[in-house]
């Protein structure tokens, strides 16, 4: 994992906390299926 990946994940988590997955710039769309996989403990729908 590169520094860029970490920066993107941090930006993604920050965007998620604001209820926005970066859909405006079209880059956050791929995050939708990834979040529950990367952070299952934080995904209430996986419980």
N, C-alpha and C. Protein backbone atom coordinates (compact mmCIF):
# COMPACT_ATOMS: atom_id res chain seq x y z
N UNK A 1 0.85 -1.20 0.00
CA UNK A 1 0.00 0.00 0.00
C UNK A 1 0.88 1.25 0.00
N UNK A 2 0.61 2.13 -0.92
CA UNK A 2 1.45 3.31 -1.05
C UNK A 2 0.90 4.48 -0.24
N UNK A 3 1.68 5.53 -0.12
CA UNK A 3 1.23 6.71 0.62
C UNK A 3 0.00 7.32 -0.03
N UNK A 4 -0.07 7.21 -1.36
CA UNK A 4 -1.22 7.75 -2.06
C UNK A 4 -2.48 7.00 -1.68
N UNK A 5 -2.36 5.67 -1.58
CA UNK A 5 -3.51 4.85 -1.19
C UNK A 5 -3.99 5.25 0.20
N UNK A 6 -3.04 5.44 1.11
CA UNK A 6 -3.40 5.82 2.47
C UNK A 6 -4.09 7.18 2.47
N UNK A 7 -3.57 8.10 1.67
CA UNK A 7 -4.17 9.43 1.60
C UNK A 7 -5.59 9.34 1.05
N UNK A 8 -5.77 8.47 0.05
CA UNK A 8 -7.11 8.32 -0.54
C UNK A 8 -8.06 7.71 0.49
N UNK A 9 -7.60 6.70 1.22
CA UNK A 9 -8.46 6.07 2.22
C UNK A 9 -8.85 7.08 3.30
N UNK A 10 -7.88 7.90 3.69
CA UNK A 10 -8.18 8.91 4.72
C UNK A 10 -9.23 9.90 4.18
N UNK A 11 -9.06 10.28 2.93
CA UNK A 11 -10.02 11.21 2.31
C UNK A 11 -11.39 10.54 2.20
N UNK A 12 -11.38 9.23 1.89
CA UNK A 12 -12.64 8.49 1.77
C UNK A 12 -13.35 8.42 3.11
N UNK A 13 -12.60 8.09 4.16
CA UNK A 13 -13.21 7.99 5.48
C UNK A 13 -13.74 9.35 5.92
N UNK A 14 -12.99 10.40 5.61
CA UNK A 14 -13.43 11.75 5.97
C UNK A 14 -14.71 12.09 5.21
N UNK A 15 -14.73 11.75 3.93
CA UNK A 15 -15.91 12.03 3.11
C UNK A 15 -17.10 11.22 3.63
N UNK A 16 -16.84 9.97 4.03
CA UNK A 16 -17.92 9.12 4.52
C UNK A 16 -18.52 9.72 5.78
N UNK A 17 -17.68 10.27 6.63
CA UNK A 17 -18.18 10.85 7.88
C UNK A 17 -19.08 12.05 7.60
N UNK A 18 -18.89 12.65 6.43
CA UNK A 18 -19.74 13.79 6.06
C UNK A 18 -20.92 13.33 5.21
N UNK A 19 -21.05 12.01 5.02
CA UNK A 19 -22.16 11.49 4.22
C UNK A 19 -21.98 11.72 2.74
N UNK A 20 -20.72 11.86 2.31
CA UNK A 20 -20.44 12.10 0.90
C UNK A 20 -19.28 11.21 0.48
N UNK A 21 -19.47 10.42 -0.56
CA UNK A 21 -18.42 9.50 -0.99
C UNK A 21 -17.66 10.00 -2.22
N UNK A 22 -17.59 11.31 -2.39
CA UNK A 22 -16.83 11.85 -3.51
C UNK A 22 -17.52 11.63 -4.85
N UNK A 23 -18.83 11.47 -4.82
CA UNK A 23 -19.56 11.22 -6.07
C UNK A 23 -19.49 12.42 -7.01
N UNK A 24 -19.26 13.60 -6.46
CA UNK A 24 -19.22 14.81 -7.28
C UNK A 24 -18.08 14.73 -8.30
N UNK A 25 -16.91 14.25 -7.87
CA UNK A 25 -15.78 14.17 -8.80
C UNK A 25 -15.74 12.83 -9.51
N UNK A 26 -16.70 11.93 -9.17
CA UNK A 26 -16.80 10.66 -9.87
C UNK A 26 -15.77 9.64 -9.45
N UNK A 27 -14.94 9.96 -8.45
CA UNK A 27 -13.87 9.04 -8.06
C UNK A 27 -14.25 8.18 -6.86
N UNK A 28 -15.28 8.62 -6.12
CA UNK A 28 -15.65 7.88 -4.92
C UNK A 28 -16.63 6.74 -5.17
N UNK A 29 -17.11 6.62 -6.40
CA UNK A 29 -18.13 5.61 -6.71
C UNK A 29 -17.63 4.20 -6.39
N UNK A 30 -16.35 3.93 -6.71
CA UNK A 30 -15.80 2.59 -6.49
C UNK A 30 -15.71 2.25 -5.01
N UNK A 31 -15.85 3.24 -4.16
CA UNK A 31 -15.74 3.03 -2.71
C UNK A 31 -16.97 2.31 -2.15
N UNK A 32 -18.11 2.50 -2.78
CA UNK A 32 -19.36 1.94 -2.27
C UNK A 32 -19.27 0.45 -1.93
N UNK A 33 -18.82 -0.42 -2.83
CA UNK A 33 -18.72 -1.84 -2.49
C UNK A 33 -17.50 -2.17 -1.64
N UNK A 34 -16.53 -1.28 -1.58
CA UNK A 34 -15.29 -1.56 -0.87
C UNK A 34 -15.41 -1.32 0.64
N UNK A 35 -16.12 -0.27 1.04
CA UNK A 35 -16.20 0.08 2.46
C UNK A 35 -16.62 -1.07 3.38
N UNK A 36 -17.72 -1.77 3.08
CA UNK A 36 -18.12 -2.87 3.97
C UNK A 36 -17.10 -4.01 3.99
N UNK A 37 -16.30 -4.13 2.96
CA UNK A 37 -15.29 -5.18 2.91
C UNK A 37 -14.05 -4.78 3.71
N UNK A 38 -13.67 -3.51 3.58
CA UNK A 38 -12.47 -3.04 4.25
C UNK A 38 -12.70 -2.80 5.74
N UNK A 39 -13.91 -2.37 6.07
CA UNK A 39 -14.20 -2.06 7.48
C UNK A 39 -15.51 -2.74 7.92
N UNK A 40 -15.52 -4.08 7.97
CA UNK A 40 -16.76 -4.79 8.32
C UNK A 40 -17.25 -4.44 9.73
N UNK A 41 -16.34 -4.16 10.63
CA UNK A 41 -16.73 -3.86 12.01
C UNK A 41 -17.47 -2.53 12.10
N UNK A 42 -17.30 -1.69 11.06
CA UNK A 42 -17.97 -0.39 11.08
C UNK A 42 -19.21 -0.39 10.18
N UNK A 43 -19.52 -1.53 9.62
CA UNK A 43 -20.67 -1.60 8.73
C UNK A 43 -21.85 -2.26 9.45
N UNK A 44 -22.83 -1.47 9.90
CA UNK A 44 -23.96 -2.01 10.65
C UNK A 44 -24.78 -3.02 9.83
N UNK A 45 -24.74 -2.90 8.51
CA UNK A 45 -25.53 -3.79 7.67
C UNK A 45 -24.92 -5.19 7.65
N UNK A 46 -23.66 -5.33 8.07
CA UNK A 46 -23.00 -6.64 8.06
C UNK A 46 -23.27 -7.39 9.35
N UNK A 47 -23.89 -6.73 10.33
CA UNK A 47 -24.14 -7.35 11.62
C UNK A 47 -25.31 -8.34 11.53
